[in-house]
C-alpha atoms as a PDB file:
ATOM      1  CA  MET A   1       2.030  15.066   3.392  1.00  0.00           C
ATOM      2  CA  GLU A   2      -0.341  15.782   6.013  1.00  0.00           C
ATOM      3  CA  LEU A   3      -3.824  14.797   7.533  1.00  0.00           C
ATOM      4  CA  THR A   4      -5.648  16.761   9.510  1.00  0.00           C
ATOM      5  CA  GLY A   5      -8.297  15.526  11.874  1.00  0.00           C
ATOM      6  CA  THR A   6      -9.135  13.273  15.412  1.00  0.00           C
ATOM      7  CA  ILE A   7      -6.972  11.473  17.555  1.00  0.00           C
ATOM      8  CA  ILE A   8      -9.358   8.350  17.754  1.00  0.00           C
ATOM      9  CA  ALA A   9      -6.411   6.122  19.576  1.00  0.00           C
ATOM     10  CA  VAL A  10      -2.992   6.346  21.838  1.00  0.00           C
ATOM     11  CA  LEU A  11      -1.575   2.793  21.201  1.00  0.00           C
ATOM     12  CA  PRO A  12       0.834   1.859  23.882  1.00  0.00           C
ATOM     13  CA  ALA A  13       4.506   3.118  23.782  1.00  0.00           C
ATOM     14  CA  VAL A  14       7.055   0.625  22.333  1.00  0.00           C
ATOM     15  CA  SER A  15      10.844   0.403  23.780  1.00  0.00           C
ATOM     16  CA  GLY A  16      13.916  -1.369  23.141  1.00  0.00           C
ATOM     17  CA  VAL A  17      17.902  -1.690  23.146  1.00  0.00           C
ATOM     18  CA  SER A  18      19.568  -1.335  19.456  1.00  0.00           C
ATOM     19  CA  GLN A  19      21.611  -4.459  18.948  1.00  0.00           C
ATOM     20  CA  ARG A  20      23.229  -2.784  16.980  1.00  0.00           C
ATOM     21  CA  THR A  21      24.584   0.663  18.893  1.00  0.00           C
ATOM     22  CA  GLY A  22      23.094  -0.006  22.155  1.00  0.00           C
ATOM     23  CA  ASN A  23      20.989   2.693  22.471  1.00  0.00           C
ATOM     24  CA  THR A  24      17.556   2.756  23.760  1.00  0.00           C
ATOM     25  CA  TRP A  25      14.577   3.781  21.610  1.00  0.00           C
ATOM     26  CA  MET A  26      10.735   4.263  22.016  1.00  0.00           C
ATOM     27  CA  SER A  27       8.366   4.825  19.331  1.00  0.00           C
ATOM     28  CA  GLN A  28       4.397   5.058  19.834  1.00  0.00           C
ATOM     29  CA  GLU A  29       1.243   4.876  17.603  1.00  0.00           C
ATOM     30  CA  TYR A  30      -1.764   7.039  17.121  1.00  0.00           C
ATOM     31  CA  VAL A  31      -4.889   6.334  14.993  1.00  0.00           C
ATOM     32  CA  ILE A  32      -6.311   9.815  13.414  1.00  0.00           C
ATOM     33  CA  GLU A  33     -10.038  10.045  11.594  1.00  0.00           C
ATOM     34  CA  VAL A  34      -9.796  12.745   8.843  1.00  0.00           C
ATOM     35  CA  PRO A  35     -13.512  13.812   8.353  1.00  0.00           C
ATOM     36  CA  ALA A  36     -14.816  13.360   5.319  1.00  0.00           C
ATOM     37  CA  GLN A  37     -18.677  12.019   3.770  1.00  0.00           C
ATOM     38  CA  TYR A  38     -16.834   8.419   4.604  1.00  0.00           C
ATOM     39  CA  PRO A  39     -14.378   9.380   6.994  1.00  0.00           C
ATOM     40  CA  LYS A  40     -10.935   7.508   6.869  1.00  0.00           C
ATOM     41  CA  LYS A  41      -8.470   6.609   9.350  1.00  0.00           C
ATOM     42  CA  CYS A  42      -4.850   6.426   9.521  1.00  0.00           C
ATOM     43  CA  CYS A  43      -2.366   4.582  11.707  1.00  0.00           C
ATOM     44  CA  PHE A  44       0.947   6.687  11.898  1.00  0.00           C
ATOM     45  CA  LYS A  45       4.318   6.536  14.513  1.00  0.00           C
ATOM     46  CA  ILE A  46       6.236   9.037  15.944  1.00  0.00           C
ATOM     47  CA  PHE A  47       9.743   7.818  16.470  1.00  0.00           C
ATOM     48  CA  GLY A  48      12.091   8.894  19.842  1.00  0.00           C
ATOM     49  CA  GLU A  49      11.200   9.657  23.450  1.00  0.00           C
ATOM     50  CA  ASP A  50      11.737  13.241  22.969  1.00  0.00           C
ATOM     51  CA  ARG A  51       9.692  13.953  20.301  1.00  0.00           C
ATOM     52  CA  ILE A  52       6.398  11.565  21.844  1.00  0.00           C
ATOM     53  CA  LYS A  53       7.188  13.975  24.972  1.00  0.00           C
ATOM     54  CA  GLN A  54       7.648  17.162  22.594  1.00  0.00           C
ATOM     55  CA  PHE A  55       4.062  16.624  20.877  1.00  0.00           C
ATOM     56  CA  ALA A  56       2.300  15.428  23.611  1.00  0.00           C
ATOM     57  CA  ILE A  57      -0.572  13.377  21.537  1.00  0.00           C
ATOM     58  CA  GLN A  58      -3.958  13.048  23.589  1.00  0.00           C
ATOM     59  CA  ALA A  59      -6.751  10.606  22.414  1.00  0.00           C
ATOM     60  CA  GLY A  60      -9.833  12.905  21.653  1.00  0.00           C
ATOM     61  CA  GLU A  61      -7.781  15.863  20.284  1.00  0.00           C
ATOM     62  CA  GLN A  62      -9.287  17.472  17.472  1.00  0.00           C
ATOM     63  CA  ASN A  63      -8.061  19.717  14.344  1.00  0.00           C
ATOM     64  CA  LEU A  64      -4.217  18.192  14.722  1.00  0.00           C
ATOM     65  CA  THR A  65      -2.564  18.299  11.523  1.00  0.00           C
ATOM     66  CA  VAL A  66      -0.190  15.929  11.474  1.00  0.00           C
ATOM     67  CA  GLN A  67       2.569  15.436   8.799  1.00  0.00           C
ATOM     68  CA  PHE A  68       4.688  12.752   7.670  1.00  0.00           C
ATOM     69  CA  ASP A  69       6.311  10.527   5.267  1.00  0.00           C
ATOM     70  CA  ILE A  70       5.489   6.826   4.167  1.00  0.00           C
ATOM     71  CA  ASP A  71       8.765   4.768   3.691  1.00  0.00           C
ATOM     72  CA  ALA A  72       8.749   0.886   2.997  1.00  0.00           C
ATOM     73  CA  HIS A  73      10.217  -1.730   3.493  1.00  0.00           C
ATOM     74  CA  GLU A  74      10.766  -5.740   3.338  1.00  0.00           C
ATOM     75  CA  TYR A  75      10.617  -8.608   5.686  1.00  0.00           C
ATOM     76  CA  ASN A  76      10.888 -11.627   4.498  1.00  0.00           C
ATOM     77  CA  GLY A  77       9.391 -11.927   1.292  1.00  0.00           C
ATOM     78  CA  ARG A  78       6.219  -9.197   2.557  1.00  0.00           C
ATOM     79  CA  TRP A  79       6.595  -5.696   2.048  1.00  0.00           C
ATOM     80  CA  PHE A  80       5.466  -3.347   4.511  1.00  0.00           C
ATOM     81  CA  ASN A  81       4.341   0.774   4.785  1.00  0.00           C
ATOM     82  CA  GLU A  82       5.304   2.391   7.798  1.00  0.00           C
ATOM     83  CA  ILE A  83       3.711   6.243   8.199  1.00  0.00           C
ATOM     84  CA  ARG A  84       6.484   8.287  10.596  1.00  0.00           C
ATOM     85  CA  ALA A  85       5.312  12.378  11.641  1.00  0.00           C
ATOM     86  CA  TYR A  86       7.792  14.341  11.854  1.00  0.00           C
ATOM     87  CA  ASN A  87       5.557  17.476  12.689  1.00  0.00           C
ATOM     88  CA  ILE A  88       2.207  17.653  14.622  1.00  0.00           C
ATOM     89  CA  LEU A  89       0.427  21.233  13.688  1.00  0.00           C
ATOM     90  CA  ARG A  90      -2.371  22.251  16.576  1.00  0.00           C
ATOM     91  CA  GLY A  91      -5.818  24.140  15.400  1.00  0.00           C
ATOM     92  CA  GLN A  92      -4.825  27.173  13.114  1.00  0.00           C
ATOM     93  CA  GLN A  93      -0.897  26.702  12.967  1.00  0.00           C
ATOM     94  CA  VAL A  94      -1.296  25.282   9.371  1.00  0.00           C
ATOM     95  CA  ALA A  95      -0.715  27.752   7.291  1.00  0.00           C
ATOM     96  CA  ALA A  96      -1.436  27.952   3.517  1.00  0.00           C
ATOM     97  CA  GLN A  97       1.657  27.975   1.096  1.00  0.00           C
ATOM     98  CA  PRO A  98       1.820  31.613  -0.252  1.00  0.00           C
ATOM     99  CA  THR A  99       0.574  32.245  -3.312  1.00  0.00           C
ATOM    100  CA  THR A 100       3.393  34.440  -5.388  1.00  0.00           C
ATOM    101  CA  GLN A 101       2.329  36.908  -8.439  1.00  0.00           C
ATOM    102  CA  ALA A 102       4.687  34.859 -10.525  1.00  0.00           C
ATOM    103  CA  GLN A 103       2.622  31.723  -9.875  1.00  0.00           C
ATOM    104  CA  THR A 104      -0.450  33.658  -9.759  1.00  0.00           C
ATOM    105  CA  ALA A 105       0.755  34.815 -13.497  1.00  0.00           C
ATOM    106  CA  SER A 106       1.796  31.854 -14.850  1.00  0.00           C
ATOM    107  CA  ALA A 107      -1.087  30.063 -14.328  1.00  0.00           C
ATOM    108  CA  PRO A 108      -3.390  29.212 -17.155  1.00  0.00           C
ATOM    109  CA  ALA A 109      -7.038  31.019 -16.596  1.00  0.00           C
ATOM    110  CA  PRO A 110      -9.659  27.906 -17.004  1.00  0.00           C
ATOM    111  CA  THR A 111     -11.149  28.081 -20.056  1.00  0.00           C
ATOM    112  CA  ALA A 112     -14.602  26.161 -20.573  1.00  0.00           C
ATOM    113  CA  GLN A 113     -14.941  23.869 -23.328  1.00  0.00           C
ATOM    114  CA  PRO A 114     -17.796  24.749 -25.563  1.00  0.00           C
ATOM    115  CA  GLY A 115     -20.396  21.689 -26.065  1.00  0.00           C
ATOM    116  CA  LEU A 116     -20.275  20.437 -22.326  1.00  0.00           C
ATOM    117  CA  PHE A 117     -21.861  23.130 -20.398  1.00  0.00           C
ATOM    118  CA  PRO A 118     -23.080  25.932 -23.256  1.00  0.00           C
ATOM    119  CA  GLU A 119     -25.041  27.867 -20.869  1.00  0.00           C
ATOM    120  CA  GLN A 120     -21.667  28.802 -18.864  1.00  0.00           C
ATOM    121  CA  ASN A 121     -20.311  30.307 -22.732  1.00  0.00           C
ATOM    122  CA  GLY A 122     -23.293  32.230 -22.651  1.00  0.00           C
ATOM    123  CA  GLN A 123     -24.972  29.804 -24.879  1.00  0.00           C
ATOM    124  CA  SER A 124     -28.540  28.294 -24.370  1.00  0.00           C
ATOM    125  CA  PRO A 125     -28.204  24.501 -23.409  1.00  0.00           C
ATOM    126  CA  ALA A 126     -29.197  22.322 -27.261  1.00  0.00           C
ATOM    127  CA  PRO A 127     -32.886  21.692 -27.566  1.00  0.00           C
ATOM    128  CA  THR A 128     -34.333  18.701 -26.547  1.00  0.00           C
ATOM    129  CA  GLY A 129     -34.416  16.381 -28.952  1.00  0.00           C
ATOM    130  CA  GLU A 130     -31.046  17.498 -30.533  1.00  0.00           C
ATOM    131  CA  GLN A 131     -27.331  16.351 -29.456  1.00  0.00           C
ATOM    132  CA  PRO A 132     -24.919  18.898 -29.134  1.00  0.00           C
ATOM    133  CA  GLN A 133     -21.661  18.959 -31.316  1.00  0.00           C
ATOM    134  CA  GLY A 134     -18.325  17.513 -30.274  1.00  0.00           C
ATOM    135  CA  ASP A 135     -16.979  14.507 -27.872  1.00  0.00           C
ATOM    136  CA  ASN A 136     -19.755  14.311 -25.217  1.00  0.00           C
ATOM    137  CA  PRO A 137     -18.426  12.335 -21.683  1.00  0.00           C
ATOM    138  CA  ASP A 138     -21.738  12.253 -20.559  1.00  0.00           C
ATOM    139  CA  ASP A 139     -22.923  10.356 -23.921  1.00  0.00           C
ATOM    140  CA  LEU A 140     -23.295   6.836 -22.875  1.00  0.00           C
ATOM    141  CA  PRO A 141     -23.212   4.101 -24.829  1.00  0.00           C
ATOM    142  CA  PHE A 142     -25.814   2.159 -22.995  1.00  0.00           C
END
């Protein structure tokens, strides 16, 4: 999965020592805001000191695409989500997936449904007072 937006917060890095292996670890959380009519915010984590330094995310960075995985874990009978980023793309590095001719040829052509928008099918709309035939999703019972 991925989100593209602006980094609005860089939280302090957290580090420690693994009880199982004895190795040190580091993680850092960031908050990205995705522009829309109602902007959404998402807090994601980068795990590993090398990745934190490699990505070097700064507060206020715009047009940043975060590729991430979502996982959940249980602790004391409660479930917690974790959004862990594995790649960061800046600016126009995000490339659309190429569409092959086979995909285009096998995709069904969109068809208009008669009765919904007759003017799109070359028909004139139903005159006022007449109900179009068929099930109309805009025909509300109240």
